[in-house]
Amino acid sequence: MTRTAENTCTKQLMISNTFNNRIRTTNFNELSTQELIELSFNLKPSEAAKLLDSIDGLTDLRNGLSKFPTTMEFQFKASFELSKRILQFGVKKEKITSSYGLAQHLIQETCDLEQEHFILLTLNTKNQIIRQRTLFIGTLNQSIAHPRDIFREAIRDNAAQIIVAHNHPS
């Protein structure tokens, strides 16, 4: 029995060391979803696999954060928001060349939202996005937007042009 326990412990240590070495030498985009869950939630591989099996998609993972202690839930939500903003940073330099491309980008961002979001994009003279922000969050089927608030943000950004959009959750 003792030898079996030693072998199991040694095997787990080897797997752990391999994983630690892998994450130090690779890009995060090369890690599997399970490995990212292990790192994000500080879980053992078996726990991460169990969590991954219990969700249908990454949206379920975000929505299931309430199962964790409140401090962890807030930490993960803050991390998700920071990640979203980091990803949007690359979009800000993007030039708007077609309404179709912009629509696809916005659909991808808003497809899992449960309330209407009124979004303002401010553009410079080269049709590059200066900033994208959600100005108003409404209910399931309506969002109230006031022109004064829209134009205030456009003036703050010194925008040459604006684009407004909203989603339809239902």
Protein backbone atom coordinates (compact mmCIF):
# COMPACT_ATOMS: atom_id res chain seq x y z
CA MET A 1 0.00 0.00 0.00
CA THR A 2 2.77 2.46 0.87
CA ARG A 3 4.59 1.83 -2.40
CA THR A 4 1.38 2.45 -4.37
CA ALA A 5 0.77 5.71 -2.51
CA GLU A 6 4.38 6.78 -3.21
CA ASN A 7 4.01 5.95 -6.91
CA THR A 8 0.73 7.91 -7.12
CA CYS A 9 2.26 10.87 -5.30
CA THR A 10 5.36 10.80 -7.53
CA LYS A 11 3.20 10.59 -10.66
CA GLN A 12 1.08 13.57 -9.55
CA LEU A 13 4.23 15.56 -8.79
CA MET A 14 5.63 14.80 -12.25
CA ILE A 15 2.37 15.88 -13.91
CA SER A 16 2.34 19.06 -11.82
CA ASN A 17 5.96 19.88 -12.71
CA THR A 18 5.30 19.22 -16.40
CA PHE A 19 2.27 21.53 -16.31
CA ASN A 20 4.21 24.25 -14.44
CA ASN A 21 7.10 24.05 -16.91
CA ARG A 22 4.66 24.14 -19.83
CA ILE A 23 2.89 27.28 -18.66
CA ARG A 24 6.21 29.02 -18.14
CA THR A 25 7.41 28.29 -21.67
CA THR A 26 4.25 28.70 -23.72
CA ASN A 27 1.73 31.35 -24.64
CA PHE A 28 -1.56 31.28 -22.80
CA ASN A 29 -3.40 30.97 -26.11
CA GLU A 30 -1.75 27.57 -26.54
CA LEU A 31 -3.18 26.23 -23.26
CA SER A 32 -6.35 24.16 -23.25
CA THR A 33 -9.54 25.52 -21.73
CA GLN A 34 -9.12 23.08 -18.85
CA GLU A 35 -5.59 24.34 -18.17
CA LEU A 36 -6.81 27.95 -18.23
CA ILE A 37 -9.56 27.01 -15.75
CA GLU A 38 -6.94 25.35 -13.53
CA LEU A 39 -4.87 28.53 -13.51
CA SER A 40 -7.77 30.97 -13.22
CA PHE A 41 -9.57 29.17 -10.41
CA ASN A 42 -6.48 27.61 -8.79
CA LEU A 43 -7.92 24.12 -9.15
CA LYS A 44 -6.39 20.68 -9.40
CA PRO A 45 -6.59 19.10 -12.87
CA SER A 46 -9.34 16.70 -11.76
CA GLU A 47 -11.39 19.57 -10.28
CA ALA A 48 -10.95 21.65 -13.44
CA ALA A 49 -12.02 18.70 -15.59
CA LYS A 50 -15.10 18.20 -13.42
CA LEU A 51 -15.98 21.90 -13.66
CA LEU A 52 -15.47 21.89 -17.43
CA ASP A 53 -17.72 18.83 -17.79
CA SER A 54 -20.47 20.52 -15.77
CA ILE A 55 -20.80 23.49 -18.15
CA ASP A 56 -22.08 23.69 -21.70
CA GLY A 57 -20.02 26.70 -22.68
CA LEU A 58 -17.82 29.45 -21.35
CA THR A 59 -20.90 31.63 -20.84
CA ASP A 60 -22.15 29.04 -18.33
CA LEU A 61 -18.80 29.32 -16.57
CA ARG A 62 -19.15 33.09 -16.25
CA ASN A 63 -22.75 32.76 -15.08
CA GLY A 64 -21.83 30.00 -12.60
CA LEU A 65 -19.39 32.12 -10.64
CA SER A 66 -21.92 32.56 -7.84
CA LYS A 67 -21.03 29.01 -6.69
CA PHE A 68 -17.64 30.32 -5.56
CA PRO A 69 -16.96 32.39 -2.42
CA THR A 70 -17.93 36.04 -2.90
CA THR A 71 -14.33 37.30 -2.89
CA MET A 72 -13.38 34.82 -5.63
CA GLU A 73 -16.50 35.66 -7.62
CA PHE A 74 -15.60 39.36 -7.62
CA GLN A 75 -11.97 38.56 -8.45
CA PHE A 76 -12.99 36.50 -11.48
CA LYS A 77 -15.54 39.04 -12.68
CA ALA A 78 -12.89 41.74 -12.43
CA SER A 79 -10.47 39.53 -14.37
CA PHE A 80 -13.08 38.88 -17.06
CA GLU A 81 -13.78 42.59 -17.40
CA LEU A 82 -10.08 43.40 -17.56
CA SER A 83 -9.59 40.72 -20.22
CA LYS A 84 -12.47 42.14 -22.22
CA ARG A 85 -10.93 45.61 -22.06
CA ILE A 86 -7.52 44.31 -23.08
CA LEU A 87 -9.11 42.61 -26.09
CA GLN A 88 -10.98 45.81 -26.97
CA PHE A 89 -7.70 47.74 -26.91
CA GLY A 90 -6.68 45.94 -30.10
CA VAL A 91 -10.04 46.79 -31.65
CA LYS A 92 -9.66 50.52 -30.93
CA LYS A 93 -6.99 50.90 -33.60
CA GLU A 94 -9.10 49.02 -36.08
CA LYS A 95 -10.49 51.02 -38.95
CA ILE A 96 -14.21 50.65 -39.60
CA THR A 97 -14.41 49.68 -43.26
CA SER A 98 -17.86 48.13 -43.43
CA SER A 99 -21.06 48.01 -41.45
CA TYR A 100 -21.07 44.22 -41.82
CA GLY A 101 -17.68 43.81 -40.11
CA LEU A 102 -18.69 46.13 -37.30
CA ALA A 103 -22.01 44.31 -36.87
CA GLN A 104 -20.23 40.94 -36.61
CA HIS A 105 -17.90 42.34 -33.96
CA LEU A 106 -20.78 43.80 -31.93
CA ILE A 107 -22.92 40.67 -32.28
CA GLN A 108 -20.07 38.56 -30.94
CA GLU A 109 -19.65 40.89 -27.95
CA THR A 110 -23.35 41.16 -27.08
CA CYS A 111 -24.74 37.74 -28.00
CA ASP A 112 -24.84 36.45 -24.41
CA LEU A 113 -26.18 39.58 -22.71
CA GLU A 114 -29.57 39.24 -21.04
CA GLN A 115 -30.51 42.94 -21.10
CA GLU A 116 -30.47 45.56 -23.83
CA HIS A 117 -27.19 47.46 -23.96
CA PHE A 118 -26.89 50.79 -25.76
CA ILE A 119 -23.36 51.06 -27.14
CA LEU A 120 -21.53 54.15 -28.34
CA LEU A 121 -18.48 53.98 -30.58
CA THR A 122 -16.56 57.19 -31.10
CA LEU A 123 -14.43 57.47 -34.23
CA ASN A 124 -11.61 59.72 -35.36
CA THR A 125 -11.32 61.25 -38.83
CA LYS A 126 -9.74 58.04 -40.18
CA ASN A 127 -12.74 55.93 -39.05
CA GLN A 128 -10.66 54.33 -36.30
CA ILE A 129 -12.39 53.52 -33.04
CA ILE A 130 -11.34 55.92 -30.29
CA ARG A 131 -13.46 54.27 -27.63
CA GLN A 132 -16.31 51.81 -27.33
CA ARG A 133 -18.51 51.93 -24.27
CA THR A 134 -21.89 50.79 -23.06
CA LEU A 135 -23.78 53.95 -22.13
CA PHE A 136 -27.08 52.48 -21.01
CA ILE A 137 -28.29 49.10 -19.82
CA GLY A 138 -32.01 48.61 -20.12
CA THR A 139 -34.44 45.77 -19.57
CA LEU A 140 -35.10 42.66 -21.58
CA ASN A 141 -36.68 44.58 -24.44
CA GLN A 142 -35.91 48.28 -24.06
CA SER A 143 -33.15 50.72 -23.33
CA ILE A 144 -33.65 54.42 -22.77
CA ALA A 145 -30.94 56.65 -24.20
CA HIS A 146 -30.74 60.41 -23.95
CA PRO A 147 -29.00 62.40 -26.72
CA ARG A 148 -27.36 64.69 -24.14
CA ASP A 149 -25.40 61.74 -22.68
CA ILE A 150 -24.42 60.43 -26.09
CA PHE A 151 -23.08 63.75 -27.32
CA ARG A 152 -21.31 64.48 -24.01
CA GLU A 153 -19.22 61.33 -24.44
CA ALA A 154 -18.56 62.09 -28.12
CA ILE A 155 -17.33 65.57 -27.24
CA ARG A 156 -15.13 64.19 -24.42
CA ASP A 157 -13.46 61.87 -26.93
CA ASN A 158 -13.14 64.69 -29.49
CA ALA A 159 -14.87 62.35 -31.93
CA ALA A 160 -15.28 63.19 -35.60
CA GLN A 161 -18.05 60.61 -35.95
CA ILE A 162 -20.13 58.33 -33.75
CA ILE A 163 -21.86 55.00 -34.19
CA VAL A 164 -24.61 53.88 -31.84
CA ALA A 165 -25.86 50.34 -31.54
CA HIS A 166 -27.97 48.16 -29.27
CA ASN A 167 -28.65 44.48 -28.94
CA HIS A 168 -31.90 42.49 -28.84
CA PRO A 169 -31.50 39.81 -26.15
CA SER A 170 -34.81 38.13 -26.91
